[in-house]
Amino acid sequence: MFFRKKGKLKKEYDQSLLRVLEETKERWNQQRSIDDMSVDYNLNIHCSSKIAEAKYFFLFREAKHRKIVIKR
């Protein structure tokens, strides 16, 4: 009786994690394309690209740890 919410909460947080993961991937792709298109080497742009990449892979590892499967 007390443990019925566990499955519901897990699904809710899994969906939230997937949404944040997709947003972070888009942000990383944008930063990477800006970094690739820049003519001059800009340390700030390069660092922001690396930060976005680190955030994405952190969330990706968390999703893998939680055994989340993306259904397409």
PDB file of N, CA and C in Angstrom:
ATOM      1  N   MET A   1       0.807  -1.180   0.000  1.00  0.00           N
ATOM      2  CA  MET A   1       0.000   0.000   0.000  1.00  0.00           C
ATOM      3  C   MET A   1       0.865   1.264   0.000  1.00  0.00           C
ATOM      4  N   PHE A   2       1.925   1.263   0.778  1.00  0.00           N
ATOM      5  CA  PHE A   2       2.776   2.439   0.876  1.00  0.00           C
ATOM      6  C   PHE A   2       3.780   2.544  -0.271  1.00  0.00           C
ATOM      7  N   PHE A   3       4.025   1.470  -0.969  1.00  0.00           N
ATOM      8  CA  PHE A   3       5.078   1.439  -1.975  1.00  0.00           C
ATOM      9  C   PHE A   3       4.552   1.546  -3.405  1.00  0.00           C
ATOM     10  N   ARG A   4       3.317   1.907  -3.582  1.00  0.00           N
ATOM     11  CA  ARG A   4       2.749   1.989  -4.929  1.00  0.00           C
ATOM     12  C   ARG A   4       3.282   3.170  -5.715  1.00  0.00           C
ATOM     13  N   LYS A   5       3.680   4.233  -5.068  1.00  0.00           N
ATOM     14  CA  LYS A   5       4.148   5.443  -5.754  1.00  0.00           C
ATOM     15  C   LYS A   5       5.540   5.274  -6.341  1.00  0.00           C
ATOM     16  N   LYS A   6       6.262   4.260  -5.905  1.00  0.00           N
ATOM     17  CA  LYS A   6       7.644   4.098  -6.344  1.00  0.00           C
ATOM     18  C   LYS A   6       7.741   3.966  -7.864  1.00  0.00           C
ATOM     19  N   GLY A   7       6.939   3.131  -8.455  1.00  0.00           N
ATOM     20  CA  GLY A   7       6.961   2.955  -9.906  1.00  0.00           C
ATOM     21  C   GLY A   7       6.528   4.205 -10.639  1.00  0.00           C
ATOM     22  N   LYS A   8       5.525   4.880 -10.113  1.00  0.00           N
ATOM     23  CA  LYS A   8       5.020   6.102 -10.730  1.00  0.00           C
ATOM     24  C   LYS A   8       6.060   7.216 -10.668  1.00  0.00           C
ATOM     25  N   LEU A   9       6.716   7.353  -9.524  1.00  0.00           N
ATOM     26  CA  LEU A   9       7.745   8.383  -9.389  1.00  0.00           C
ATOM     27  C   LEU A   9       8.949   8.089 -10.273  1.00  0.00           C
ATOM     28  N   LYS A  10       9.328   6.813 -10.370  1.00  0.00           N
ATOM     29  CA  LYS A  10      10.462   6.459 -11.219  1.00  0.00           C
ATOM     30  C   LYS A  10      10.168   6.811 -12.671  1.00  0.00           C
ATOM     31  N   LYS A  11       8.967   6.494 -13.144  1.00  0.00           N
ATOM     32  CA  LYS A  11       8.604   6.822 -14.521  1.00  0.00           C
ATOM     33  C   LYS A  11       8.599   8.331 -14.748  1.00  0.00           C
ATOM     34  N   GLU A  12       8.099   9.068 -13.757  1.00  0.00           N
ATOM     35  CA  GLU A  12       8.041  10.522 -13.874  1.00  0.00           C
ATOM     36  C   GLU A  12       9.445  11.119 -13.942  1.00  0.00           C
ATOM     37  N   TYR A  13      10.337  10.658 -13.068  1.00  0.00           N
ATOM     38  CA  TYR A  13      11.700  11.182 -13.076  1.00  0.00           C
ATOM     39  C   TYR A  13      12.495  10.702 -14.287  1.00  0.00           C
ATOM     40  N   ASP A  14      12.192   9.507 -14.767  1.00  0.00           N
ATOM     41  CA  ASP A  14      12.847   9.026 -15.984  1.00  0.00           C
ATOM     42  C   ASP A  14      12.470   9.895 -17.178  1.00  0.00           C
ATOM     43  N   GLN A  15      11.186  10.246 -17.285  1.00  0.00           N
ATOM     44  CA  GLN A  15      10.744  11.116 -18.369  1.00  0.00           C
ATOM     45  C   GLN A  15      11.388  12.495 -18.261  1.00  0.00           C
ATOM     46  N   SER A  16      11.492  12.995 -17.042  1.00  0.00           N
ATOM     47  CA  SER A  16      12.143  14.288 -16.824  1.00  0.00           C
ATOM     48  C   SER A  16      13.613  14.227 -17.224  1.00  0.00           C
ATOM     49  N   LEU A  17      14.277  13.133 -16.861  1.00  0.00           N
ATOM     50  CA  LEU A  17      15.687  12.959 -17.215  1.00  0.00           C
ATOM     51  C   LEU A  17      15.865  12.884 -18.724  1.00  0.00           C
ATOM     52  N   LEU A  18      14.977  12.186 -19.414  1.00  0.00           N
ATOM     53  CA  LEU A  18      15.066  12.092 -20.873  1.00  0.00           C
ATOM     54  C   LEU A  18      14.862  13.451 -21.533  1.00  0.00           C
ATOM     55  N   ARG A  19      13.929  14.244 -21.011  1.00  0.00           N
ATOM     56  CA  ARG A  19      13.691  15.575 -21.560  1.00  0.00           C
ATOM     57  C   ARG A  19      14.933  16.464 -21.370  1.00  0.00           C
ATOM     58  N   VAL A  20      15.511  16.434 -20.192  1.00  0.00           N
ATOM     59  CA  VAL A  20      16.708  17.238 -19.924  1.00  0.00           C
ATOM     60  C   VAL A  20      17.882  16.727 -20.761  1.00  0.00           C
ATOM     61  N   LEU A  21      17.961  15.422 -20.950  1.00  0.00           N
ATOM     62  CA  LEU A  21      19.030  14.836 -21.758  1.00  0.00           C
ATOM     63  C   LEU A  21      18.941  15.315 -23.206  1.00  0.00           C
ATOM     64  N   GLU A  22      17.739  15.355 -23.768  1.00  0.00           N
ATOM     65  CA  GLU A  22      17.568  15.825 -25.148  1.00  0.00           C
ATOM     66  C   GLU A  22      17.893  17.313 -25.274  1.00  0.00           C
ATOM     67  N   GLU A  23      17.465  18.107 -24.290  1.00  0.00           N
ATOM     68  CA  GLU A  23      17.778  19.539 -24.321  1.00  0.00           C
ATOM     69  C   GLU A  23      19.280  19.780 -24.221  1.00  0.00           C
ATOM     70  N   THR A  24      19.939  19.016 -23.377  1.00  0.00           N
ATOM     71  CA  THR A  24      21.380  19.164 -23.206  1.00  0.00           C
ATOM     72  C   THR A  24      22.125  18.727 -24.462  1.00  0.00           C
ATOM     73  N   LYS A  25      21.626  17.691 -25.122  1.00  0.00           N
ATOM     74  CA  LYS A  25      22.254  17.251 -26.366  1.00  0.00           C
ATOM     75  C   LYS A  25      22.146  18.324 -27.440  1.00  0.00           C
ATOM     76  N   GLU A  26      20.967  18.946 -27.536  1.00  0.00           N
ATOM     77  CA  GLU A  26      20.787  20.036 -28.502  1.00  0.00           C
ATOM     78  C   GLU A  26      21.718  21.201 -28.198  1.00  0.00           C
ATOM     79  N   ARG A  27      21.844  21.558 -26.927  1.00  0.00           N
ATOM     80  CA  ARG A  27      22.734  22.650 -26.536  1.00  0.00           C
ATOM     81  C   ARG A  27      24.192  22.312 -26.869  1.00  0.00           C
ATOM     82  N   TRP A  28      24.575  21.043 -26.629  1.00  0.00           N
ATOM     83  CA  TRP A  28      25.942  20.619 -26.940  1.00  0.00           C
ATOM     84  C   TRP A  28      26.186  20.677 -28.448  1.00  0.00           C
ATOM     85  N   ASN A  29      25.223  20.216 -29.245  1.00  0.00           N
ATOM     86  CA  ASN A  29      25.368  20.277 -30.703  1.00  0.00           C
ATOM     87  C   ASN A  29      25.483  21.715 -31.198  1.00  0.00           C
ATOM     88  N   GLN A  30      24.714  22.630 -30.600  1.00  0.00           N
ATOM     89  CA  GLN A  30      24.811  24.041 -30.978  1.00  0.00           C
ATOM     90  C   GLN A  30      26.186  24.607 -30.634  1.00  0.00           C
ATOM     91  N   GLN A  31      26.663  24.320 -29.442  1.00  0.00           N
ATOM     92  CA  GLN A  31      27.973  24.824 -29.027  1.00  0.00           C
ATOM     93  C   GLN A  31      29.079  24.238 -29.900  1.00  0.00           C
ATOM     94  N   ARG A  32      28.951  22.969 -30.241  1.00  0.00           N
ATOM     95  CA  ARG A  32      29.967  22.323 -31.074  1.00  0.00           C
ATOM     96  C   ARG A  32      29.979  22.917 -32.483  1.00  0.00           C
ATOM     97  N   SER A  33      28.798  23.211 -33.024  1.00  0.00           N
ATOM     98  CA  SER A  33      28.749  23.796 -34.368  1.00  0.00           C
ATOM     99  C   SER A  33      29.300  25.226 -34.350  1.00  0.00           C
ATOM    100  N   ILE A  34      29.029  25.971 -33.285  1.00  0.00           N
ATOM    101  CA  ILE A  34      29.603  27.314 -33.166  1.00  0.00           C
ATOM    102  C   ILE A  34      31.115  27.227 -33.078  1.00  0.00           C
ATOM    103  N   ASP A  35      31.610  26.268 -32.315  1.00  0.00           N
ATOM    104  CA  ASP A  35      33.056  26.082 -32.170  1.00  0.00           C
ATOM    105  C   ASP A  35      33.685  25.687 -33.503  1.00  0.00           C
ATOM    106  N   ASP A  36      33.009  24.845 -34.274  1.00  0.00           N
ATOM    107  CA  ASP A  36      33.538  24.420 -35.572  1.00  0.00           C
ATOM    108  C   ASP A  36      33.513  25.549 -36.602  1.00  0.00           C
ATOM    109  N   MET A  37      32.497  26.408 -36.543  1.00  0.00           N
ATOM    110  CA  MET A  37      32.367  27.481 -37.522  1.00  0.00           C
ATOM    111  C   MET A  37      33.263  28.684 -37.242  1.00  0.00           C
ATOM    112  N   SER A  38      33.729  28.808 -36.014  1.00  0.00           N
ATOM    113  CA  SER A  38      34.535  29.987 -35.683  1.00  0.00           C
ATOM    114  C   SER A  38      35.880  29.929 -36.399  1.00  0.00           C
ATOM    115  N   VAL A  39      36.276  31.069 -36.918  1.00  0.00           N
ATOM    116  CA  VAL A  39      37.526  31.159 -37.662  1.00  0.00           C
ATOM    117  C   VAL A  39      38.701  31.245 -36.696  1.00  0.00           C
ATOM    118  N   ASP A  40      38.584  32.114 -35.719  1.00  0.00           N
ATOM    119  CA  ASP A  40      39.625  32.258 -34.718  1.00  0.00           C
ATOM    120  C   ASP A  40      39.376  31.295 -33.565  1.00  0.00           C
ATOM    121  N   TYR A  41      40.446  30.908 -32.907  1.00  0.00           N
ATOM    122  CA  TYR A  41      40.318  30.071 -31.722  1.00  0.00           C
ATOM    123  C   TYR A  41      39.921  30.962 -30.561  1.00  0.00           C
ATOM    124  N   ASN A  42      38.761  30.685 -29.986  1.00  0.00           N
ATOM    125  CA  ASN A  42      38.275  31.447 -28.860  1.00  0.00           C
ATOM    126  C   ASN A  42      38.152  30.501 -27.672  1.00  0.00           C
ATOM    127  N   LEU A  43      38.882  30.808 -26.616  1.00  0.00           N
ATOM    128  CA  LEU A  43      38.905  29.927 -25.455  1.00  0.00           C
ATOM    129  C   LEU A  43      37.540  29.830 -24.784  1.00  0.00           C
ATOM    130  N   ASN A  44      36.801  30.928 -24.728  1.00  0.00           N
ATOM    131  CA  ASN A  44      35.483  30.899 -24.087  1.00  0.00           C
ATOM    132  C   ASN A  44      34.515  29.991 -24.827  1.00  0.00           C
ATOM    133  N   ILE A  45      34.518  30.057 -26.133  1.00  0.00           N
ATOM    134  CA  ILE A  45      33.630  29.205 -26.930  1.00  0.00           C
ATOM    135  C   ILE A  45      34.027  27.739 -26.778  1.00  0.00           C
ATOM    136  N   HIS A  46      35.320  27.484 -26.794  1.00  0.00           N
ATOM    137  CA  HIS A  46      35.809  26.113 -26.656  1.00  0.00           C
ATOM    138  C   HIS A  46      35.456  25.552 -25.273  1.00  0.00           C
ATOM    139  N   CYS A  47      35.618  26.363 -24.242  1.00  0.00           N
ATOM    140  CA  CYS A  47      35.294  25.919 -22.883  1.00  0.00           C
ATOM    141  C   CYS A  47      33.800  25.667 -22.715  1.00  0.00           C
ATOM    142  N   SER A  48      32.972  26.532 -23.281  1.00  0.00           N
ATOM    143  CA  SER A  48      31.528  26.317 -23.165  1.00  0.00           C
ATOM    144  C   SER A  48      31.103  25.053 -23.916  1.00  0.00           C
ATOM    145  N   SER A  49      31.789  24.748 -25.014  1.00  0.00           N
ATOM    146  CA  SER A  49      31.502  23.520 -25.739  1.00  0.00           C
ATOM    147  C   SER A  49      31.881  22.297 -24.900  1.00  0.00           C
ATOM    148  N   LYS A  50      33.012  22.347 -24.244  1.00  0.00           N
ATOM    149  CA  LYS A  50      33.460  21.239 -23.401  1.00  0.00           C
ATOM    150  C   LYS A  50      32.558  21.068 -22.173  1.00  0.00           C
ATOM    151  N   ILE A  51      32.080  22.182 -21.615  1.00  0.00           N
ATOM    152  CA  ILE A  51      31.166  22.110 -20.473  1.00  0.00           C
ATOM    153  C   ILE A  51      29.849  21.469 -20.890  1.00  0.00           C
ATOM    154  N   ALA A  52      29.328  21.861 -22.041  1.00  0.00           N
ATOM    155  CA  ALA A  52      28.082  21.272 -22.546  1.00  0.00           C
ATOM    156  C   ALA A  52      28.267  19.779 -22.808  1.00  0.00           C
ATOM    157  N   GLU A  53      29.426  19.399 -23.325  1.00  0.00           N
ATOM    158  CA  GLU A  53      29.709  17.984 -23.570  1.00  0.00           C
ATOM    159  C   GLU A  53      29.759  17.207 -22.259  1.00  0.00           C
ATOM    160  N   ALA A  54      30.396  17.772 -21.242  1.00  0.00           N
ATOM    161  CA  ALA A  54      30.488  17.097 -19.951  1.00  0.00           C
ATOM    162  C   ALA A  54      29.112  16.925 -19.313  1.00  0.00           C
ATOM    163  N   LYS A  55      28.264  17.939 -19.424  1.00  0.00           N
ATOM    164  CA  LYS A  55      26.913  17.844 -18.878  1.00  0.00           C
ATOM    165  C   LYS A  55      26.123  16.751 -19.582  1.00  0.00           C
ATOM    166  N   TYR A  56      26.250  16.692 -20.913  1.00  0.00           N
ATOM    167  CA  TYR A  56      25.517  15.680 -21.671  1.00  0.00           C
ATOM    168  C   TYR A  56      25.958  14.273 -21.272  1.00  0.00           C
ATOM    169  N   PHE A  57      27.264  14.047 -21.204  1.00  0.00           N
ATOM    170  CA  PHE A  57      27.728  12.706 -20.883  1.00  0.00           C
ATOM    171  C   PHE A  57      27.445  12.327 -19.434  1.00  0.00           C
ATOM    172  N   PHE A  58      27.380  13.303 -18.530  1.00  0.00           N
ATOM    173  CA  PHE A  58      26.976  13.012 -17.163  1.00  0.00           C
ATOM    174  C   PHE A  58      25.534  12.518 -17.130  1.00  0.00           C
ATOM    175  N   LEU A  59      24.657  13.227 -17.826  1.00  0.00           N
ATOM    176  CA  LEU A  59      23.251  12.814 -17.876  1.00  0.00           C
ATOM    177  C   LEU A  59      23.083  11.489 -18.607  1.00  0.00           C
ATOM    178  N   PHE A  60      23.899  11.272 -19.642  1.00  0.00           N
ATOM    179  CA  PHE A  60      23.840  10.020 -20.392  1.00  0.00           C
ATOM    180  C   PHE A  60      24.219   8.844 -19.491  1.00  0.00           C
ATOM    181  N   ARG A  61      25.275   9.015 -18.694  1.00  0.00           N
ATOM    182  CA  ARG A  61      25.680   7.948 -17.776  1.00  0.00           C
ATOM    183  C   ARG A  61      24.607   7.696 -16.711  1.00  0.00           C
ATOM    184  N   GLU A  62      23.956   8.760 -16.262  1.00  0.00           N
ATOM    185  CA  GLU A  62      22.884   8.604 -15.283  1.00  0.00           C
ATOM    186  C   GLU A  62      21.714   7.826 -15.891  1.00  0.00           C
ATOM    187  N   ALA A  63      21.366   8.128 -17.123  1.00  0.00           N
ATOM    188  CA  ALA A  63      20.289   7.390 -17.795  1.00  0.00           C
ATOM    189  C   ALA A  63      20.675   5.928 -17.991  1.00  0.00           C
ATOM    190  N   LYS A  64      21.920   5.687 -18.310  1.00  0.00           N
ATOM    191  CA  LYS A  64      22.395   4.313 -18.486  1.00  0.00           C
ATOM    192  C   LYS A  64      22.371   3.570 -17.150  1.00  0.00           C
ATOM    193  N   HIS A  65      22.747   4.259 -16.091  1.00  0.00           N
ATOM    194  CA  HIS A  65      22.739   3.659 -14.762  1.00  0.00           C
ATOM    195  C   HIS A  65      21.318   3.311 -14.322  1.00  0.00           C
ATOM    196  N   ARG A  66      20.348   4.159 -14.676  1.00  0.00           N
ATOM    197  CA  ARG A  66      18.949   3.921 -14.328  1.00  0.00           C
ATOM    198  C   ARG A  66      18.272   2.943 -15.283  1.00  0.00           C
ATOM    199  N   LYS A  67      19.011   2.491 -16.321  1.00  0.00           N
ATOM    200  CA  LYS A  67      18.526   1.523 -17.309  1.00  0.00           C
ATOM    201  C   LYS A  67      17.287   2.033 -18.035  1.00  0.00           C
ATOM    202  N   ILE A  68      17.389   3.273 -18.502  1.00  0.00           N
ATOM    203  CA  ILE A  68      16.306   3.889 -19.251  1.00  0.00           C
ATOM    204  C   ILE A  68      16.451   3.517 -20.723  1.00  0.00           C
ATOM    205  N   VAL A  69      15.365   3.064 -21.323  1.00  0.00           N
ATOM    206  CA  VAL A  69      15.358   2.690 -22.735  1.00  0.00           C
ATOM    207  C   VAL A  69      14.508   3.701 -23.489  1.00  0.00           C
ATOM    208  N   ILE A  70      15.081   4.273 -24.547  1.00  0.00           N
ATOM    209  CA  ILE A  70      14.337   5.210 -25.365  1.00  0.00           C
ATOM    210  C   ILE A  70      13.591   4.422 -26.437  1.00  0.00           C
ATOM    211  N   LYS A  71      12.279   4.555 -26.435  1.00  0.00           N
ATOM    212  CA  LYS A  71      11.456   3.844 -27.405  1.00  0.00           C
ATOM    213  C   LYS A  71      11.139   4.767 -28.553  1.00  0.00           C
ATOM    214  N   ARG A  72      11.441   4.352 -29.762  1.00  0.00           N
ATOM    215  CA  ARG A  72      11.191   5.166 -30.949  1.00  0.00           C
ATOM    216  C   ARG A  72      10.229   4.496 -31.855  1.00  0.00           C
TER     217      ARG A  72
END
